[in-house]
């Protein structure tokens, strides 16, 4: 995706799918407080060649708060609506693990590249379906690993 920017000079437009009604109390606490989202937004917002144009979160107040803080113009409570209405180059999937596959597959069907937090999916069958979608729709798919771009990883 960096190559696309280098070739065109155009900012990549990003949609962000934040949490989704988590099942466990632990996930609810971590996700509702938005610690993960805050870290992601702070870093993504600092990259000049990226433009976060939309956020989807079932908690509309949390979405509005992040949108206001990081100057994100569009807020949704449904990621499918966001995919339909926004012209996105990339979606960042930061949801509970059981939603990684369906959201990633739907994004690639819509022609959107995917950055997904680890793990890729809950099982090998779902992972295979994600990779099949990546190949079928010729989209980029990347798993977010904390240390991928740190000096310690090289």
C-alpha atoms as a PDB file:
ATOM      1  CA  UNK A   1       0.000   0.000   0.000  1.00  0.00           C
ATOM      2  CA  UNK A   2       2.961   2.244   0.519  1.00  0.00           C
ATOM      3  CA  UNK A   3       3.897   1.457  -3.096  1.00  0.00           C
ATOM      4  CA  UNK A   4       0.478   2.699  -4.245  1.00  0.00           C
ATOM      5  CA  UNK A   5       1.130   5.993  -2.470  1.00  0.00           C
ATOM      6  CA  UNK A   6       4.598   6.301  -3.971  1.00  0.00           C
ATOM      7  CA  UNK A   7       3.232   5.752  -7.493  1.00  0.00           C
ATOM      8  CA  UNK A   8       0.248   8.090  -7.255  1.00  0.00           C
ATOM      9  CA  UNK A   9       1.098  10.511  -4.466  1.00  0.00           C
ATOM     10  CA  UNK A  10      -2.533  10.063  -3.367  1.00  0.00           C
ATOM     11  CA  UNK A  11      -3.333   9.561   0.304  1.00  0.00           C
ATOM     12  CA  UNK A  12      -4.710   6.152   1.194  1.00  0.00           C
ATOM     13  CA  UNK A  13      -8.224   6.425   2.577  1.00  0.00           C
ATOM     14  CA  UNK A  14      -8.837   4.234   5.582  1.00  0.00           C
ATOM     15  CA  UNK A  15     -11.961   2.984   7.278  1.00  0.00           C
ATOM     16  CA  UNK A  16     -11.681   1.697  10.808  1.00  0.00           C
ATOM     17  CA  UNK A  17     -13.890  -1.030  12.248  1.00  0.00           C
ATOM     18  CA  UNK A  18     -13.637  -0.728  15.997  1.00  0.00           C
ATOM     19  CA  UNK A  19     -14.993  -3.294  18.459  1.00  0.00           C
ATOM     20  CA  UNK A  20     -18.269  -5.082  18.023  1.00  0.00           C
ATOM     21  CA  UNK A  21     -20.515  -5.901  20.990  1.00  0.00           C
ATOM     22  CA  UNK A  22     -18.002  -8.109  22.787  1.00  0.00           C
ATOM     23  CA  UNK A  23     -19.149 -11.304  24.478  1.00  0.00           C
ATOM     24  CA  UNK A  24     -16.987 -11.322  27.586  1.00  0.00           C
ATOM     25  CA  UNK A  25     -16.799  -8.753  30.350  1.00  0.00           C
ATOM     26  CA  UNK A  26     -13.010  -8.575  29.912  1.00  0.00           C
ATOM     27  CA  UNK A  27     -13.286  -7.757  26.218  1.00  0.00           C
ATOM     28  CA  UNK A  28     -16.041  -5.294  26.969  1.00  0.00           C
ATOM     29  CA  UNK A  29     -13.831  -3.400  29.399  1.00  0.00           C
ATOM     30  CA  UNK A  30     -10.762  -3.322  27.167  1.00  0.00           C
ATOM     31  CA  UNK A  31     -12.688  -2.441  24.028  1.00  0.00           C
ATOM     32  CA  UNK A  32     -15.232  -0.052  25.489  1.00  0.00           C
ATOM     33  CA  UNK A  33     -12.496   2.053  26.991  1.00  0.00           C
ATOM     34  CA  UNK A  34     -10.895   2.227  23.579  1.00  0.00           C
ATOM     35  CA  UNK A  35      -7.284   1.680  24.647  1.00  0.00           C
ATOM     36  CA  UNK A  36      -6.498  -0.256  21.487  1.00  0.00           C
ATOM     37  CA  UNK A  37      -8.303   2.213  19.271  1.00  0.00           C
ATOM     38  CA  UNK A  38      -6.567   5.175  20.840  1.00  0.00           C
ATOM     39  CA  UNK A  39      -3.152   3.642  20.172  1.00  0.00           C
ATOM     40  CA  UNK A  40      -4.083   2.843  16.577  1.00  0.00           C
ATOM     41  CA  UNK A  41      -5.553   6.273  15.861  1.00  0.00           C
ATOM     42  CA  UNK A  42      -2.660   8.182  17.376  1.00  0.00           C
ATOM     43  CA  UNK A  43      -0.184   6.324  15.183  1.00  0.00           C
ATOM     44  CA  UNK A  44      -2.259   6.278  11.993  1.00  0.00           C
ATOM     45  CA  UNK A  45      -3.177   9.940  12.386  1.00  0.00           C
ATOM     46  CA  UNK A  46       0.519  10.870  12.467  1.00  0.00           C
ATOM     47  CA  UNK A  47       1.236   9.284   9.075  1.00  0.00           C
ATOM     48  CA  UNK A  48       0.736  11.998   6.476  1.00  0.00           C
ATOM     49  CA  UNK A  49       0.054   9.656   3.587  1.00  0.00           C
ATOM     50  CA  UNK A  50      -2.919   8.135   5.422  1.00  0.00           C
ATOM     51  CA  UNK A  51      -6.315   9.720   5.805  1.00  0.00           C
ATOM     52  CA  UNK A  52      -8.821   8.100   8.134  1.00  0.00           C
ATOM     53  CA  UNK A  53     -12.160   8.950   6.543  1.00  0.00           C
ATOM     54  CA  UNK A  54     -14.589   6.795   8.523  1.00  0.00           C
ATOM     55  CA  UNK A  55     -15.055   4.790  11.684  1.00  0.00           C
ATOM     56  CA  UNK A  56     -17.610   2.089  12.383  1.00  0.00           C
ATOM     57  CA  UNK A  57     -18.431   1.118  15.939  1.00  0.00           C
ATOM     58  CA  UNK A  58     -21.709  -0.162  17.402  1.00  0.00           C
ATOM     59  CA  UNK A  59     -21.194   2.283  20.277  1.00  0.00           C
ATOM     60  CA  UNK A  60     -22.062   5.495  18.455  1.00  0.00           C
ATOM     61  CA  UNK A  61     -20.906   7.735  21.311  1.00  0.00           C
ATOM     62  CA  UNK A  62     -17.458   6.102  21.401  1.00  0.00           C
ATOM     63  CA  UNK A  63     -17.227   6.435  17.621  1.00  0.00           C
ATOM     64  CA  UNK A  64     -18.199  10.112  17.743  1.00  0.00           C
ATOM     65  CA  UNK A  65     -15.655  10.775  20.490  1.00  0.00           C
ATOM     66  CA  UNK A  66     -12.821   9.263  18.423  1.00  0.00           C
ATOM     67  CA  UNK A  67     -14.057  10.957  15.266  1.00  0.00           C
ATOM     68  CA  UNK A  68     -14.014  14.344  16.960  1.00  0.00           C
ATOM     69  CA  UNK A  69     -10.610  13.817  18.561  1.00  0.00           C
ATOM     70  CA  UNK A  70      -8.969  12.688  15.304  1.00  0.00           C
ATOM     71  CA  UNK A  71     -11.034  14.736  12.839  1.00  0.00           C
ATOM     72  CA  UNK A  72     -12.653  11.731  11.140  1.00  0.00           C
ATOM     73  CA  UNK A  73     -15.515  12.981   8.970  1.00  0.00           C
ATOM     74  CA  UNK A  74     -17.853   9.947   8.882  1.00  0.00           C
ATOM     75  CA  UNK A  75     -19.187   7.738  11.679  1.00  0.00           C
ATOM     76  CA  UNK A  76     -21.160   4.504  11.299  1.00  0.00           C
ATOM     77  CA  UNK A  77     -22.594   1.856  13.596  1.00  0.00           C
ATOM     78  CA  UNK A  78     -22.545  -0.775  10.827  1.00  0.00           C
ATOM     79  CA  UNK A  79     -19.388  -1.689   8.914  1.00  0.00           C
ATOM     80  CA  UNK A  80     -21.384  -2.893   5.886  1.00  0.00           C
ATOM     81  CA  UNK A  81     -22.989   0.538   5.573  1.00  0.00           C
ATOM     82  CA  UNK A  82     -19.530   2.111   5.809  1.00  0.00           C
ATOM     83  CA  UNK A  83     -18.287  -0.187   3.013  1.00  0.00           C
ATOM     84  CA  UNK A  84     -21.243   0.822   0.828  1.00  0.00           C
ATOM     85  CA  UNK A  85     -21.027   4.576   1.381  1.00  0.00           C
ATOM     86  CA  UNK A  86     -17.288   5.246   1.600  1.00  0.00           C
ATOM     87  CA  UNK A  87     -14.604   4.921  -1.049  1.00  0.00           C
ATOM     88  CA  UNK A  88     -11.971   3.120   1.016  1.00  0.00           C
ATOM     89  CA  UNK A  89      -8.548   1.864   0.011  1.00  0.00           C
ATOM     90  CA  UNK A  90      -8.023   0.009   3.275  1.00  0.00           C
ATOM     91  CA  UNK A  91      -9.961  -1.156   6.307  1.00  0.00           C
ATOM     92  CA  UNK A  92      -8.378  -1.828   9.674  1.00  0.00           C
ATOM     93  CA  UNK A  93     -10.241  -4.598  11.507  1.00  0.00           C
ATOM     94  CA  UNK A  94      -9.869  -4.214  15.283  1.00  0.00           C
ATOM     95  CA  UNK A  95     -12.679  -6.358  16.618  1.00  0.00           C
ATOM     96  CA  UNK A  96     -13.091  -9.474  18.742  1.00  0.00           C
ATOM     97  CA  UNK A  97     -11.463 -12.424  17.000  1.00  0.00           C
ATOM     98  CA  UNK A  98     -14.680 -14.153  15.934  1.00  0.00           C
ATOM     99  CA  UNK A  99     -15.458 -11.210  13.640  1.00  0.00           C
ATOM    100  CA  UNK A 100     -12.112 -11.043  11.834  1.00  0.00           C
ATOM    101  CA  UNK A 101     -13.105 -13.432   9.030  1.00  0.00           C
ATOM    102  CA  UNK A 102     -16.583 -12.106   8.156  1.00  0.00           C
ATOM    103  CA  UNK A 103     -15.523  -8.453   8.190  1.00  0.00           C
ATOM    104  CA  UNK A 104     -12.300  -9.104   6.253  1.00  0.00           C
ATOM    105  CA  UNK A 105     -14.073 -11.195   3.612  1.00  0.00           C
ATOM    106  CA  UNK A 106     -16.849  -8.612   3.177  1.00  0.00           C
ATOM    107  CA  UNK A 107     -14.270  -5.827   2.791  1.00  0.00           C
ATOM    108  CA  UNK A 108     -12.349  -7.726   0.114  1.00  0.00           C
ATOM    109  CA  UNK A 109     -15.608  -8.488  -1.724  1.00  0.00           C
ATOM    110  CA  UNK A 110     -16.121  -4.711  -1.842  1.00  0.00           C
ATOM    111  CA  UNK A 111     -12.621  -4.166  -3.257  1.00  0.00           C
ATOM    112  CA  UNK A 112     -11.066  -2.936  -0.011  1.00  0.00           C
ATOM    113  CA  UNK A 113      -7.606  -4.005   1.193  1.00  0.00           C
ATOM    114  CA  UNK A 114      -7.497  -5.320   4.775  1.00  0.00           C
ATOM    115  CA  UNK A 115      -5.256  -4.828   7.794  1.00  0.00           C
ATOM    116  CA  UNK A 116      -6.518  -7.196  10.488  1.00  0.00           C
ATOM    117  CA  UNK A 117      -5.392  -7.520  14.070  1.00  0.00           C
ATOM    118  CA  UNK A 118      -4.133 -10.947  15.089  1.00  0.00           C
ATOM    119  CA  UNK A 119      -5.151 -13.705  15.074  1.00  0.00           C
ATOM    120  CA  UNK A 120      -6.212 -14.000  11.455  1.00  0.00           C
ATOM    121  CA  UNK A 121      -9.270 -16.082  12.434  1.00  0.00           C
ATOM    122  CA  UNK A 122     -10.485 -18.579  15.011  1.00  0.00           C
ATOM    123  CA  UNK A 123      -9.645 -21.692  12.983  1.00  0.00           C
ATOM    124  CA  UNK A 124      -7.958 -22.996   9.842  1.00  0.00           C
ATOM    125  CA  UNK A 125     -11.211 -23.214   7.846  1.00  0.00           C
ATOM    126  CA  UNK A 126     -11.921 -19.499   8.343  1.00  0.00           C
ATOM    127  CA  UNK A 127      -8.296 -18.619   7.590  1.00  0.00           C
ATOM    128  CA  UNK A 128      -8.546 -20.543   4.329  1.00  0.00           C
ATOM    129  CA  UNK A 129     -11.733 -18.623   3.430  1.00  0.00           C
ATOM    130  CA  UNK A 130      -9.977 -15.301   4.095  1.00  0.00           C
ATOM    131  CA  UNK A 131      -7.013 -16.278   1.904  1.00  0.00           C
ATOM    132  CA  UNK A 132      -9.371 -17.532  -0.821  1.00  0.00           C
ATOM    133  CA  UNK A 133     -11.136 -14.139  -0.774  1.00  0.00           C
ATOM    134  CA  UNK A 134      -7.811 -12.317  -0.912  1.00  0.00           C
ATOM    135  CA  UNK A 135      -6.870 -14.281  -4.019  1.00  0.00           C
ATOM    136  CA  UNK A 136     -10.321 -14.147  -5.637  1.00  0.00           C
ATOM    137  CA  UNK A 137     -10.702 -10.381  -5.247  1.00  0.00           C
ATOM    138  CA  UNK A 138      -6.984  -9.613  -5.709  1.00  0.00           C
ATOM    139  CA  UNK A 139      -6.766  -7.617  -2.482  1.00  0.00           C
ATOM    140  CA  UNK A 140      -3.909  -7.143  -0.026  1.00  0.00           C
ATOM    141  CA  UNK A 141      -4.398  -8.736   3.386  1.00  0.00           C
ATOM    142  CA  UNK A 142      -2.060  -8.126   6.319  1.00  0.00           C
ATOM    143  CA  UNK A 143      -2.119  -9.347   9.886  1.00  0.00           C
ATOM    144  CA  UNK A 144      -1.089  -6.729  12.428  1.00  0.00           C
ATOM    145  CA  UNK A 145       1.811  -7.986  14.506  1.00  0.00           C
ATOM    146  CA  UNK A 146       3.099  -5.638  17.212  1.00  0.00           C
ATOM    147  CA  UNK A 147       6.776  -5.959  16.372  1.00  0.00           C
ATOM    148  CA  UNK A 148       6.626  -6.342  12.609  1.00  0.00           C
ATOM    149  CA  UNK A 149       8.375  -3.044  11.895  1.00  0.00           C
ATOM    150  CA  UNK A 150      10.595  -2.682  14.951  1.00  0.00           C
ATOM    151  CA  UNK A 151      14.374  -2.946  14.820  1.00  0.00           C
ATOM    152  CA  UNK A 152      14.238  -6.001  17.069  1.00  0.00           C
ATOM    153  CA  UNK A 153      12.361  -7.896  14.351  1.00  0.00           C
ATOM    154  CA  UNK A 154      15.130  -7.595  11.784  1.00  0.00           C
END
